[in-house]
Amino acid sequence: MSEKVTIATVARHAQVSRQTVSNVLNSPHVVREETRRRVQEAIDSLGYRASQAARQMRTGRSRLIAVRIEPTRDGINGSVLDRFLHGLTETAEAAGYRAMLYTAVDAAAEIATFDDLLSAYDLDGFVLTGTDHGDPRTAWLAERGVPFVTFGRPWDDPDAHPWVDVDGAAGTAQATGHLLAAGHRRIGFIGWPAGSGVGDDRRAGWREALRAAGVDPTGLDREAVDGNAAGERLAADRLAATSPPTALVCASDSLALGVLQAARAAAPTTGTAAHTGAPAVPVIGFDDTPVAAAVGLTSVSQPLGDAAARCVDLLTAVLDGPPRTPAPVLLQPSLVLRHTA
């Protein structure tokens, strides 16, 4: 019979102490990266599997974190959170945690789910997505002392809790700057109704980029509920106006794909543009979804894998570190150019 692989076996193989192996399993952020890698290689090669029950008894922790699966809506923007969830699950596993997924249709239903989950499971914490002004979910968790981090800023108070976000204003500013450099001045924006933290942030980047270039943005933006159909209707009206925009930036790929349909419908019926199927005006989306890549839509890409990893880092810092609020993380997006812009 082969010898049972224990923490001591892993420690000998990796030439570290048993405490170091325990730290890699339970608090990996306190171990140097080189040492952590060596221990993980030993764990993998020896086939060591820690007892979850024993670990929970020893640490008083379940090593479970919960995160919501977003509704798919039109099947386009839902894929953004899919990539985030994949990254979160993989990073959590590497840090010794398991991700528990749940669903909820709105904030009230999500809070009810918090209550159910905390009653049924000994969860260590939550990763929340899609923050907004006056978010009742974060208030509920904070009042009860439940550890959490958010993928999205606390828009009313940046220091309220640990968070990771992507700079939406920087993304739309990049998109607008690209169009300005191509010679456009009447660059329109199609976004969500005012009041959304994310939507307002993305509109602000477009607006400030125009103002910095000496262009007055007044009258160049329009609002629509997110979706292909809304984007197509709004763009068709704008492109048929007396002084239409010569290029369009959108708050999401879902809106942009609808805008792209309208822009292609408005393209010349003869000449090079008609032959290539190019839109009448350049269109740029936001989120760089798989659908955007498939149809050749230029879009702003979010570093979702990095965002997920940083969320896990912040949550483990909250759980394992001293009682303090870790510094927030603001990541930078990038513009992915395709033939639509």
Protein backbone atom coordinates (compact mmCIF):
# COMPACT_ATOMS: atom_id res chain seq x y z
CA MET A 1 0.00 0.00 0.00
CA SER A 2 1.35 3.40 -0.92
CA GLU A 3 2.17 5.86 1.84
CA LYS A 4 -0.55 8.41 2.58
CA VAL A 5 0.46 11.87 1.37
CA THR A 6 0.28 14.39 4.20
CA ILE A 7 1.26 18.00 4.74
CA ALA A 8 4.56 16.72 6.12
CA THR A 9 5.16 14.77 2.89
CA VAL A 10 4.53 17.89 0.82
CA ALA A 11 6.79 19.94 3.11
CA ARG A 12 9.69 17.48 2.69
CA HIS A 13 9.22 17.37 -1.08
CA ALA A 14 9.13 21.18 -1.39
CA GLN A 15 11.87 21.66 1.24
CA VAL A 16 9.76 24.00 3.35
CA SER A 17 8.15 23.85 6.78
CA ARG A 18 4.73 22.30 7.41
CA GLN A 19 3.50 25.76 8.42
CA THR A 20 4.48 27.10 5.00
CA VAL A 21 2.46 24.34 3.31
CA SER A 22 -0.47 25.16 5.60
CA ASN A 23 -0.15 28.84 4.66
CA VAL A 24 -0.20 27.99 0.96
CA LEU A 25 -3.40 26.00 1.50
CA ASN A 26 -5.15 28.44 3.81
CA SER A 27 -3.60 31.90 3.37
CA PRO A 28 -1.65 31.87 0.08
CA HIS A 29 -1.32 35.65 -0.05
CA VAL A 30 1.15 35.61 2.90
CA VAL A 31 3.59 33.30 1.05
CA ARG A 32 6.16 34.54 -1.45
CA GLU A 33 5.20 33.74 -5.03
CA GLU A 34 8.31 31.61 -5.68
CA THR A 35 7.71 29.53 -2.55
CA ARG A 36 4.00 29.24 -3.22
CA ARG A 37 4.73 27.96 -6.71
CA ARG A 38 7.20 25.37 -5.41
CA VAL A 39 4.72 24.11 -2.82
CA GLN A 40 1.90 23.98 -5.37
CA GLU A 41 4.11 21.93 -7.71
CA ALA A 42 4.77 19.50 -4.86
CA ILE A 43 1.05 19.28 -4.08
CA ASP A 44 0.26 18.57 -7.72
CA SER A 45 3.03 16.01 -8.26
CA LEU A 46 2.26 14.11 -5.05
CA GLY A 47 -1.49 14.23 -5.57
CA TYR A 48 -2.10 15.70 -2.11
CA ARG A 49 -5.71 16.51 -1.27
CA ALA A 50 -6.48 18.48 1.87
CA SER A 51 -9.45 17.35 3.94
CA GLN A 52 -12.07 20.08 3.65
CA ALA A 53 -13.72 18.98 6.89
CA ALA A 54 -10.43 19.04 8.76
CA ARG A 55 -9.53 22.41 7.31
CA GLN A 56 -12.87 23.88 8.34
CA MET A 57 -12.52 22.56 11.89
CA ARG A 58 -8.98 23.93 12.13
CA THR A 59 -9.63 27.38 10.68
CA GLY A 60 -13.31 27.86 11.47
CA ARG A 61 -13.81 28.72 7.80
CA SER A 62 -15.75 26.99 5.04
CA ARG A 63 -13.54 28.30 2.20
CA LEU A 64 -16.75 29.03 0.30
CA ILE A 65 -17.45 32.36 -1.43
CA ALA A 66 -20.70 33.17 -3.23
CA VAL A 67 -21.26 35.14 -6.42
CA ARG A 68 -24.37 35.83 -8.50
CA ILE A 69 -24.97 34.67 -12.06
CA GLU A 70 -26.38 37.63 -14.00
CA PRO A 71 -29.50 37.25 -16.19
CA THR A 72 -28.55 36.69 -19.84
CA ARG A 73 -30.93 39.40 -21.11
CA ASP A 74 -30.27 39.53 -24.88
CA GLY A 75 -27.57 36.85 -24.76
CA ILE A 76 -24.83 39.36 -25.63
CA ASN A 77 -23.84 41.34 -22.54
CA GLY A 78 -24.47 38.35 -20.27
CA SER A 79 -21.31 36.82 -21.73
CA VAL A 80 -19.27 39.58 -20.07
CA LEU A 81 -20.02 38.22 -16.60
CA ASP A 82 -19.49 34.66 -17.85
CA ARG A 83 -15.83 35.48 -18.48
CA PHE A 84 -15.58 37.14 -15.09
CA LEU A 85 -17.09 34.06 -13.37
CA HIS A 86 -14.65 31.72 -15.09
CA GLY A 87 -11.73 33.84 -13.92
CA LEU A 88 -13.15 34.11 -10.40
CA THR A 89 -13.70 30.36 -10.07
CA GLU A 90 -10.19 29.53 -11.27
CA THR A 91 -8.51 32.15 -9.07
CA ALA A 92 -10.56 31.18 -6.02
CA GLU A 93 -9.61 27.53 -6.46
CA ALA A 94 -5.92 28.43 -6.67
CA ALA A 95 -6.32 30.33 -3.38
CA GLY A 96 -8.02 27.35 -1.72
CA TYR A 97 -11.61 28.53 -2.05
CA ARG A 98 -14.69 27.26 -3.86
CA ALA A 99 -17.15 29.58 -5.61
CA MET A 100 -20.87 29.00 -5.01
CA LEU A 101 -23.12 30.43 -7.72
CA TYR A 102 -26.64 31.74 -7.17
CA THR A 103 -29.27 33.61 -9.17
CA ALA A 104 -31.52 36.58 -8.42
CA VAL A 105 -33.66 38.80 -10.64
CA ASP A 106 -33.10 42.06 -8.72
CA ALA A 107 -31.51 43.56 -5.59
CA ALA A 108 -34.42 42.64 -3.30
CA ALA A 109 -34.35 39.02 -4.46
CA GLU A 110 -30.57 38.94 -4.06
CA ILE A 111 -30.79 40.15 -0.45
CA ALA A 112 -33.36 37.43 0.26
CA THR A 113 -30.89 34.95 -1.25
CA PHE A 114 -28.13 36.28 1.01
CA ASP A 115 -30.29 35.48 4.00
CA ASP A 116 -31.08 31.98 2.74
CA LEU A 117 -27.47 31.17 1.87
CA LEU A 118 -26.08 32.42 5.18
CA SER A 119 -28.67 30.34 7.03
CA ALA A 120 -27.92 27.18 5.05
CA TYR A 121 -24.14 27.45 4.57
CA ASP A 122 -21.17 28.74 6.54
CA LEU A 123 -20.10 31.11 3.77
CA ASP A 124 -16.89 33.08 4.16
CA GLY A 125 -17.98 35.99 1.98
CA PHE A 126 -19.51 37.35 -1.21
CA VAL A 127 -18.30 38.87 -4.46
CA LEU A 128 -20.99 41.25 -5.75
CA THR A 129 -21.29 42.49 -9.32
CA GLY A 130 -23.12 45.41 -10.93
CA THR A 131 -23.03 48.12 -8.26
CA ASP A 132 -25.21 51.23 -8.44
CA HIS A 133 -26.10 54.33 -6.45
CA GLY A 134 -27.55 53.56 -3.02
CA ASP A 135 -26.91 49.84 -3.46
CA PRO A 136 -29.04 48.09 -0.81
CA ARG A 137 -27.08 44.84 -1.11
CA THR A 138 -23.82 46.26 0.18
CA ALA A 139 -25.64 48.07 3.00
CA TRP A 140 -27.33 44.80 4.05
CA LEU A 141 -24.07 42.85 4.15
CA ALA A 142 -22.14 45.65 5.89
CA GLU A 143 -24.79 46.00 8.62
CA ARG A 144 -24.43 42.30 9.41
CA GLY A 145 -20.64 42.21 9.25
CA VAL A 146 -20.55 39.78 6.34
CA PRO A 147 -17.25 40.07 4.39
CA PHE A 148 -17.63 41.08 0.74
CA VAL A 149 -15.97 42.84 -2.17
CA THR A 150 -17.60 44.25 -5.29
CA PHE A 151 -16.76 44.18 -8.97
CA GLY A 152 -17.93 47.74 -9.46
CA ARG A 153 -17.45 50.93 -7.48
CA PRO A 154 -19.56 52.11 -4.54
CA TRP A 155 -20.67 55.17 -6.51
CA ASP A 156 -21.82 57.16 -3.48
CA ASP A 157 -18.72 56.62 -1.31
CA PRO A 158 -15.48 55.31 -2.90
CA ASP A 159 -14.12 54.35 0.54
CA ALA A 160 -17.19 52.43 1.73
CA HIS A 161 -15.82 48.92 1.10
CA PRO A 162 -13.20 47.01 -0.94
CA TRP A 163 -13.83 47.08 -4.69
CA VAL A 164 -12.38 46.37 -8.11
CA ASP A 165 -13.60 48.20 -11.19
CA VAL A 166 -12.69 48.97 -14.79
CA ASP A 167 -12.37 52.63 -15.75
CA GLY A 168 -15.34 53.02 -18.10
CA ALA A 169 -14.68 56.72 -18.67
CA ALA A 170 -11.15 55.92 -19.84
CA GLY A 171 -12.57 53.34 -22.24
CA THR A 172 -15.04 55.66 -23.95
CA ALA A 173 -12.42 58.42 -23.97
CA GLN A 174 -10.10 56.04 -25.89
CA ALA A 175 -12.89 55.26 -28.34
CA THR A 176 -13.72 58.94 -28.83
CA GLY A 177 -10.06 59.86 -29.19
CA HIS A 178 -9.63 57.24 -31.90
CA LEU A 179 -12.51 58.74 -33.87
CA LEU A 180 -11.24 62.30 -33.33
CA ALA A 181 -7.83 61.25 -34.67
CA ALA A 182 -9.60 59.89 -37.77
CA GLY A 183 -11.01 63.39 -38.41
CA HIS A 184 -14.51 63.08 -36.93
CA ARG A 185 -16.00 65.98 -34.98
CA ARG A 186 -19.70 65.12 -34.73
CA ILE A 187 -19.24 61.99 -32.63
CA GLY A 188 -22.50 60.86 -31.09
CA PHE A 189 -23.01 58.76 -27.97
CA ILE A 190 -25.78 56.24 -27.35
CA GLY A 191 -26.00 55.22 -23.71
CA TRP A 192 -28.30 54.16 -20.92
CA PRO A 193 -30.76 56.46 -19.12
CA ALA A 194 -29.09 58.87 -16.67
CA GLY A 195 -28.68 57.65 -13.11
CA SER A 196 -26.75 54.46 -13.77
CA GLY A 197 -23.30 54.62 -12.20
CA VAL A 198 -21.63 52.61 -14.98
CA GLY A 199 -23.60 54.28 -17.76
CA ASP A 200 -22.95 57.80 -16.49
CA ASP A 201 -19.23 57.00 -16.14
CA ARG A 202 -19.01 55.82 -19.75
CA ARG A 203 -20.91 58.88 -21.00
CA ALA A 204 -18.55 61.14 -19.02
CA GLY A 205 -15.48 59.76 -20.81
CA TRP A 206 -16.99 60.50 -24.24
CA ARG A 207 -18.10 63.98 -23.16
CA GLU A 208 -14.76 65.00 -21.65
CA ALA A 209 -12.79 63.69 -24.64
CA LEU A 210 -14.87 65.88 -26.96
CA ARG A 211 -14.51 68.92 -24.73
CA ALA A 212 -10.74 68.41 -24.53
CA ALA A 213 -10.70 68.49 -28.34
CA GLY A 214 -12.71 71.72 -28.40
CA VAL A 215 -15.98 70.04 -29.48
CA ASP A 216 -19.27 70.89 -27.76
CA PRO A 217 -21.03 67.56 -26.93
CA THR A 218 -24.43 69.22 -26.45
CA GLY A 219 -27.14 67.43 -28.40
CA LEU A 220 -24.88 64.61 -29.57
CA ASP A 221 -25.94 61.97 -27.02
CA ARG A 222 -29.09 59.89 -26.78
CA GLU A 223 -30.43 57.47 -24.14
CA ALA A 224 -31.93 54.03 -24.59
CA VAL A 225 -32.68 50.97 -22.50
CA ASP A 226 -29.95 48.44 -23.27
CA GLY A 227 -30.62 46.17 -26.24
CA ASN A 228 -30.20 45.63 -29.98
CA ALA A 229 -33.67 46.83 -30.94
CA ALA A 230 -33.39 50.06 -28.93
CA GLY A 231 -29.97 50.82 -30.40
CA GLU A 232 -31.19 50.22 -33.94
CA ARG A 233 -34.26 52.45 -33.54
CA LEU A 234 -32.31 55.28 -31.96
CA ALA A 235 -29.50 55.15 -34.51
CA ALA A 236 -31.94 55.07 -37.44
CA ASP A 237 -33.53 58.29 -36.15
CA ARG A 238 -30.17 59.96 -35.56
CA LEU A 239 -28.77 59.03 -38.95
CA ALA A 240 -31.90 60.36 -40.69
CA ALA A 241 -31.60 63.75 -38.93
CA THR A 242 -30.63 66.96 -40.73
CA SER A 243 -27.16 67.03 -39.13
CA PRO A 244 -26.41 63.40 -38.25
CA PRO A 245 -23.31 62.30 -36.35
CA THR A 246 -20.41 61.10 -38.47
CA ALA A 247 -19.44 58.42 -35.90
CA LEU A 248 -21.04 56.77 -32.85
CA VAL A 249 -19.75 55.51 -29.49
CA CYS A 250 -22.06 53.22 -27.48
CA ALA A 251 -22.25 52.26 -23.81
CA SER A 252 -22.47 48.54 -24.61
CA ASP A 253 -21.98 46.06 -27.43
CA SER A 254 -25.68 45.24 -27.24
CA LEU A 255 -26.58 48.82 -28.16
CA ALA A 256 -23.71 49.04 -30.64
CA LEU A 257 -24.80 45.96 -32.58
CA GLY A 258 -28.24 47.50 -33.07
CA VAL A 259 -26.59 50.78 -34.09
CA LEU A 260 -24.38 48.86 -36.50
CA GLN A 261 -27.44 47.37 -38.22
CA ALA A 262 -28.94 50.82 -38.67
CA ALA A 263 -25.62 52.25 -39.88
CA ARG A 264 -25.22 49.50 -42.46
CA ALA A 265 -28.80 50.01 -43.63
CA ALA A 266 -27.99 53.69 -44.14
CA ALA A 267 -24.80 52.93 -46.11
CA PRO A 268 -24.58 53.78 -49.84
CA THR A 269 -26.10 51.21 -52.19
CA THR A 270 -23.28 51.64 -54.70
CA GLY A 271 -19.51 52.04 -54.46
CA THR A 272 -16.84 50.57 -52.19
CA ALA A 273 -18.86 50.87 -48.97
CA ALA A 274 -21.73 48.91 -50.49
CA HIS A 275 -19.35 46.22 -51.76
CA THR A 276 -17.71 45.69 -48.36
CA GLY A 277 -20.90 46.01 -46.31
CA ALA A 278 -19.28 48.84 -44.31
CA PRO A 279 -21.56 50.96 -42.08
CA ALA A 280 -22.48 54.51 -43.08
CA VAL A 281 -20.68 55.77 -39.98
CA PRO A 282 -18.04 54.16 -37.74
CA VAL A 283 -19.50 52.46 -34.64
CA ILE A 284 -17.69 51.53 -31.41
CA GLY A 285 -19.15 49.37 -28.65
CA PHE A 286 -18.11 48.52 -25.10
CA ASP A 287 -17.26 45.12 -23.51
CA ASP A 288 -15.74 43.33 -26.54
CA THR A 289 -18.19 40.45 -26.40
CA PRO A 290 -17.77 37.33 -28.59
CA VAL A 291 -20.57 38.60 -30.82
CA ALA A 292 -18.68 41.86 -31.38
CA ALA A 293 -15.61 39.88 -32.43
CA ALA A 294 -17.70 37.69 -34.75
CA VAL A 295 -19.24 40.62 -36.66
CA GLY A 296 -16.11 42.79 -36.68
CA LEU A 297 -17.35 45.46 -34.25
CA THR A 298 -14.68 47.71 -32.75
CA SER A 299 -15.15 47.63 -28.97
CA VAL A 300 -13.62 48.54 -25.62
CA SER A 301 -12.32 45.43 -23.85
CA GLN A 302 -12.37 44.97 -20.07
CA PRO A 303 -9.58 42.94 -18.39
CA LEU A 304 -12.11 40.56 -16.81
CA GLY A 305 -9.66 37.83 -15.82
CA ASP A 306 -7.51 40.35 -14.00
CA ALA A 307 -10.59 41.90 -12.37
CA ALA A 308 -11.72 38.49 -11.08
CA ALA A 309 -8.26 37.72 -9.69
CA ARG A 310 -8.07 41.06 -7.93
CA CYS A 311 -11.52 40.51 -6.39
CA VAL A 312 -10.30 37.23 -4.89
CA ASP A 313 -7.12 38.95 -3.68
CA LEU A 314 -9.13 41.66 -1.93
CA LEU A 315 -11.57 39.22 -0.37
CA THR A 316 -8.79 36.99 0.99
CA ALA A 317 -7.12 40.12 2.35
CA VAL A 318 -10.36 40.99 4.16
CA LEU A 319 -10.72 37.43 5.48
CA ASP A 320 -7.10 36.74 6.42
CA GLY A 321 -5.56 40.12 7.01
CA PRO A 322 -5.81 42.77 9.74
CA PRO A 323 -9.16 44.57 10.22
CA ARG A 324 -8.80 47.24 7.58
CA THR A 325 -10.31 48.13 4.21
CA PRO A 326 -7.90 47.16 1.39
CA ALA A 327 -7.20 49.84 -1.19
CA PRO A 328 -9.56 49.75 -4.19
CA VAL A 329 -8.36 48.62 -7.61
CA LEU A 330 -9.20 50.54 -10.80
CA LEU A 331 -8.15 48.68 -13.96
CA GLN A 332 -7.67 50.14 -17.42
CA PRO A 333 -9.60 48.92 -20.50
CA SER A 334 -8.23 48.74 -24.04
CA LEU A 335 -9.69 49.51 -27.45
CA VAL A 336 -9.90 46.54 -29.86
CA LEU A 337 -9.94 47.90 -33.41
CA ARG A 338 -11.89 46.16 -36.16
CA HIS A 339 -13.21 47.26 -39.54
CA THR A 340 -16.28 49.10 -38.14
CA ALA A 341 -14.13 52.00 -36.91
